[in-house]
Amino acid sequence: MDWAPLLLTGLAFAAIPEDDKKMHFAAGAAIAKTSEQVFELTPLQACGVALAAGVAKEAYDRSFGGNVEGADALATMGGCMITFRF
């Protein structure tokens, strides 16, 4: 088994300082991988779906009094990066 992707994922996840950003990162990875497999999207298209989900979440927060942070949307999109095949 090739451990490099798992190791890189763990290092990337550990480097994120805030728990909230870690949840956004993990959600972005899950959204991207799921949309890639279910809807047969390319990895780049799947990252677009993750970005859209992150932006939609921040729009929801803005509308309903949540904490709006652009970095949250970027963390969500950042999670898609671990779904790319090298």
N, C-alpha and C. Protein backbone atom coordinates (compact mmCIF):
# COMPACT_ATOMS: atom_id res chain seq x y z
N MET A 1 0.83 -1.18 0.00
CA MET A 1 0.00 0.00 0.00
C MET A 1 0.87 1.25 0.00
N ASP A 2 0.50 2.21 -0.79
CA ASP A 2 1.24 3.45 -0.86
C ASP A 2 0.77 4.38 0.27
N TRP A 3 1.65 4.68 1.20
CA TRP A 3 1.30 5.47 2.38
C TRP A 3 1.45 6.97 2.15
N ALA A 4 2.02 7.39 1.03
CA ALA A 4 2.27 8.81 0.80
C ALA A 4 0.99 9.65 0.85
N PRO A 5 -0.09 9.27 0.16
CA PRO A 5 -1.30 10.10 0.23
C PRO A 5 -1.86 10.20 1.65
N LEU A 6 -1.84 9.10 2.38
CA LEU A 6 -2.34 9.11 3.75
C LEU A 6 -1.47 10.01 4.63
N LEU A 7 -0.18 9.91 4.47
CA LEU A 7 0.74 10.73 5.24
C LEU A 7 0.55 12.21 4.93
N LEU A 8 0.45 12.55 3.64
CA LEU A 8 0.25 13.94 3.25
C LEU A 8 -1.08 14.48 3.76
N THR A 9 -2.10 13.65 3.73
CA THR A 9 -3.41 14.06 4.25
C THR A 9 -3.32 14.36 5.74
N GLY A 10 -2.68 13.48 6.47
CA GLY A 10 -2.53 13.69 7.91
C GLY A 10 -1.74 14.94 8.23
N LEU A 11 -0.66 15.17 7.49
CA LEU A 11 0.14 16.37 7.71
C LEU A 11 -0.63 17.64 7.38
N ALA A 12 -1.36 17.61 6.28
CA ALA A 12 -2.16 18.77 5.89
C ALA A 12 -3.23 19.06 6.93
N PHE A 13 -3.88 18.02 7.42
CA PHE A 13 -4.94 18.17 8.41
C PHE A 13 -4.37 18.70 9.73
N ALA A 14 -3.22 18.21 10.14
CA ALA A 14 -2.60 18.63 11.39
C ALA A 14 -2.10 20.07 11.33
N ALA A 15 -1.79 20.55 10.13
CA ALA A 15 -1.27 21.91 9.98
C ALA A 15 -2.35 22.98 10.09
N ILE A 16 -3.61 22.59 10.04
CA ILE A 16 -4.70 23.55 10.15
C ILE A 16 -4.91 23.86 11.62
N PRO A 17 -4.77 25.14 12.01
CA PRO A 17 -4.76 25.47 13.44
C PRO A 17 -6.11 25.40 14.14
N GLU A 18 -7.20 25.64 13.47
CA GLU A 18 -8.50 25.71 14.14
C GLU A 18 -9.36 24.50 13.83
N ASP A 19 -10.10 24.05 14.85
CA ASP A 19 -10.99 22.90 14.65
C ASP A 19 -12.06 23.19 13.61
N ASP A 20 -12.59 24.43 13.60
CA ASP A 20 -13.62 24.79 12.62
C ASP A 20 -13.09 24.63 11.20
N LYS A 21 -11.86 25.06 10.98
CA LYS A 21 -11.27 24.94 9.64
C LYS A 21 -11.04 23.48 9.29
N LYS A 22 -10.71 22.66 10.28
CA LYS A 22 -10.52 21.23 10.04
C LYS A 22 -11.84 20.59 9.60
N MET A 23 -12.93 21.02 10.21
CA MET A 23 -14.23 20.48 9.80
C MET A 23 -14.58 20.92 8.38
N HIS A 24 -14.28 22.17 8.04
CA HIS A 24 -14.52 22.64 6.68
C HIS A 24 -13.64 21.86 5.69
N PHE A 25 -12.39 21.63 6.05
CA PHE A 25 -11.46 20.88 5.21
C PHE A 25 -11.98 19.47 4.96
N ALA A 26 -12.39 18.79 6.04
CA ALA A 26 -12.91 17.42 5.91
C ALA A 26 -14.19 17.39 5.10
N ALA A 27 -15.06 18.38 5.30
CA ALA A 27 -16.31 18.44 4.54
C ALA A 27 -16.02 18.64 3.06
N GLY A 28 -15.05 19.49 2.75
CA GLY A 28 -14.69 19.73 1.35
C GLY A 28 -14.17 18.47 0.68
N ALA A 29 -13.36 17.70 1.40
CA ALA A 29 -12.85 16.45 0.85
C ALA A 29 -13.99 15.47 0.60
N ALA A 30 -14.90 15.36 1.57
CA ALA A 30 -16.03 14.44 1.43
C ALA A 30 -16.96 14.86 0.29
N ILE A 31 -17.24 16.15 0.21
CA ILE A 31 -18.12 16.67 -0.86
C ILE A 31 -17.49 16.43 -2.22
N ALA A 32 -16.21 16.75 -2.35
CA ALA A 32 -15.54 16.59 -3.64
C ALA A 32 -15.51 15.13 -4.07
N LYS A 33 -15.09 14.25 -3.18
CA LYS A 33 -14.97 12.84 -3.55
C LYS A 33 -16.32 12.23 -3.86
N THR A 34 -17.33 12.57 -3.05
CA THR A 34 -18.66 12.03 -3.28
C THR A 34 -19.23 12.53 -4.60
N SER A 35 -19.10 13.83 -4.86
CA SER A 35 -19.66 14.36 -6.11
C SER A 35 -18.90 13.82 -7.32
N GLU A 36 -17.60 13.59 -7.16
CA GLU A 36 -16.81 13.02 -8.26
C GLU A 36 -17.31 11.62 -8.61
N GLN A 37 -17.58 10.81 -7.59
CA GLN A 37 -18.00 9.44 -7.83
C GLN A 37 -19.47 9.33 -8.23
N VAL A 38 -20.34 10.04 -7.53
CA VAL A 38 -21.77 9.92 -7.77
C VAL A 38 -22.18 10.56 -9.11
N PHE A 39 -21.64 11.74 -9.37
CA PHE A 39 -22.04 12.47 -10.57
C PHE A 39 -21.03 12.34 -11.72
N GLU A 40 -20.01 11.51 -11.50
CA GLU A 40 -18.97 11.25 -12.51
C GLU A 40 -18.33 12.55 -13.00
N LEU A 41 -17.95 13.41 -12.05
CA LEU A 41 -17.30 14.67 -12.37
C LEU A 41 -15.80 14.49 -12.44
N THR A 42 -15.13 15.40 -13.10
CA THR A 42 -13.67 15.42 -13.07
C THR A 42 -13.26 15.94 -11.69
N PRO A 43 -12.02 15.69 -11.27
CA PRO A 43 -11.57 16.23 -9.97
C PRO A 43 -11.69 17.76 -9.90
N LEU A 44 -11.42 18.44 -10.99
CA LEU A 44 -11.54 19.91 -10.99
C LEU A 44 -12.99 20.34 -10.81
N GLN A 45 -13.90 19.67 -11.48
CA GLN A 45 -15.32 19.97 -11.32
C GLN A 45 -15.77 19.69 -9.88
N ALA A 46 -15.27 18.61 -9.31
CA ALA A 46 -15.62 18.26 -7.93
C ALA A 46 -15.11 19.31 -6.96
N CYS A 47 -13.94 19.88 -7.23
CA CYS A 47 -13.44 20.98 -6.38
C CYS A 47 -14.34 22.20 -6.51
N GLY A 48 -14.87 22.42 -7.69
CA GLY A 48 -15.83 23.51 -7.88
C GLY A 48 -17.08 23.31 -7.05
N VAL A 49 -17.53 22.07 -6.96
CA VAL A 49 -18.69 21.75 -6.13
C VAL A 49 -18.36 22.02 -4.66
N ALA A 50 -17.16 21.64 -4.21
CA ALA A 50 -16.75 21.89 -2.83
C ALA A 50 -16.69 23.39 -2.56
N LEU A 51 -16.14 24.15 -3.50
CA LEU A 51 -16.08 25.61 -3.33
C LEU A 51 -17.49 26.19 -3.24
N ALA A 52 -18.38 25.74 -4.11
CA ALA A 52 -19.76 26.23 -4.09
C ALA A 52 -20.43 25.91 -2.76
N ALA A 53 -20.16 24.73 -2.22
CA ALA A 53 -20.72 24.36 -0.92
C ALA A 53 -20.18 25.28 0.18
N GLY A 54 -18.90 25.57 0.13
CA GLY A 54 -18.30 26.47 1.12
C GLY A 54 -18.88 27.87 1.06
N VAL A 55 -19.04 28.38 -0.15
CA VAL A 55 -19.62 29.72 -0.33
C VAL A 55 -21.08 29.72 0.11
N ALA A 56 -21.82 28.66 -0.23
CA ALA A 56 -23.23 28.56 0.18
C ALA A 56 -23.36 28.54 1.71
N LYS A 57 -22.46 27.84 2.37
CA LYS A 57 -22.48 27.78 3.83
C LYS A 57 -22.24 29.16 4.43
N GLU A 58 -21.29 29.91 3.87
CA GLU A 58 -21.02 31.25 4.37
C GLU A 58 -22.19 32.20 4.08
N ALA A 59 -22.86 32.02 2.95
CA ALA A 59 -24.05 32.82 2.64
C ALA A 59 -25.16 32.51 3.64
N TYR A 60 -25.30 31.24 3.99
CA TYR A 60 -26.28 30.84 5.00
C TYR A 60 -25.94 31.50 6.34
N ASP A 61 -24.67 31.46 6.72
CA ASP A 61 -24.26 32.09 7.97
C ASP A 61 -24.57 33.59 7.97
N ARG A 62 -24.31 34.24 6.84
CA ARG A 62 -24.57 35.68 6.73
C ARG A 62 -26.07 35.96 6.89
N SER A 63 -26.90 35.14 6.31
CA SER A 63 -28.35 35.35 6.34
C SER A 63 -28.96 35.05 7.71
N PHE A 64 -28.36 34.13 8.45
CA PHE A 64 -28.98 33.69 9.70
C PHE A 64 -28.11 33.98 10.93
N GLY A 65 -27.24 34.97 10.82
CA GLY A 65 -26.50 35.45 11.98
C GLY A 65 -25.33 34.61 12.42
N GLY A 66 -24.83 33.76 11.56
CA GLY A 66 -23.66 32.95 11.91
C GLY A 66 -22.38 33.74 11.74
N ASN A 67 -21.26 33.13 12.05
CA ASN A 67 -19.95 33.74 11.92
C ASN A 67 -19.46 33.56 10.48
N VAL A 68 -19.36 34.64 9.74
CA VAL A 68 -18.97 34.58 8.33
C VAL A 68 -17.46 34.78 8.22
N GLU A 69 -16.79 33.82 7.61
CA GLU A 69 -15.35 33.90 7.37
C GLU A 69 -15.03 33.36 5.99
N GLY A 70 -14.37 34.16 5.18
CA GLY A 70 -13.95 33.70 3.86
C GLY A 70 -12.99 32.53 3.95
N ALA A 71 -12.21 32.50 5.03
CA ALA A 71 -11.26 31.40 5.21
C ALA A 71 -11.96 30.06 5.35
N ASP A 72 -13.20 30.07 5.85
CA ASP A 72 -13.96 28.82 5.95
C ASP A 72 -14.25 28.25 4.57
N ALA A 73 -14.66 29.12 3.64
CA ALA A 73 -14.93 28.67 2.27
C ALA A 73 -13.66 28.14 1.62
N LEU A 74 -12.54 28.82 1.87
CA LEU A 74 -11.26 28.36 1.31
C LEU A 74 -10.83 27.04 1.92
N ALA A 75 -11.09 26.85 3.21
CA ALA A 75 -10.75 25.57 3.84
C ALA A 75 -11.59 24.44 3.26
N THR A 76 -12.86 24.75 2.97
CA THR A 76 -13.73 23.74 2.36
C THR A 76 -13.19 23.34 0.99
N MET A 77 -12.80 24.34 0.20
CA MET A 77 -12.23 24.03 -1.11
C MET A 77 -10.88 23.33 -0.97
N GLY A 78 -10.11 23.72 0.02
CA GLY A 78 -8.80 23.10 0.24
C GLY A 78 -8.91 21.60 0.48
N GLY A 79 -9.99 21.18 1.09
CA GLY A 79 -10.19 19.75 1.33
C GLY A 79 -10.27 18.95 0.05
N CYS A 80 -10.72 19.58 -1.02
CA CYS A 80 -10.82 18.84 -2.28
C CYS A 80 -9.45 18.48 -2.83
N MET A 81 -8.44 19.22 -2.43
CA MET A 81 -7.09 18.98 -2.96
C MET A 81 -6.58 17.57 -2.64
N ILE A 82 -7.04 17.00 -1.53
CA ILE A 82 -6.55 15.66 -1.17
C ILE A 82 -7.23 14.58 -1.99
N THR A 83 -8.26 14.95 -2.75
CA THR A 83 -8.94 13.95 -3.57
C THR A 83 -8.30 13.80 -4.95
N PHE A 84 -7.36 14.68 -5.29
CA PHE A 84 -6.67 14.59 -6.58
C PHE A 84 -5.74 13.39 -6.61
N ARG A 85 -5.68 12.72 -7.74
CA ARG A 85 -4.75 11.61 -7.94
C ARG A 85 -3.46 12.15 -8.54
N PHE A 86 -2.34 11.72 -7.98
CA PHE A 86 -1.04 12.18 -8.49
C PHE A 86 -0.42 11.11 -9.35
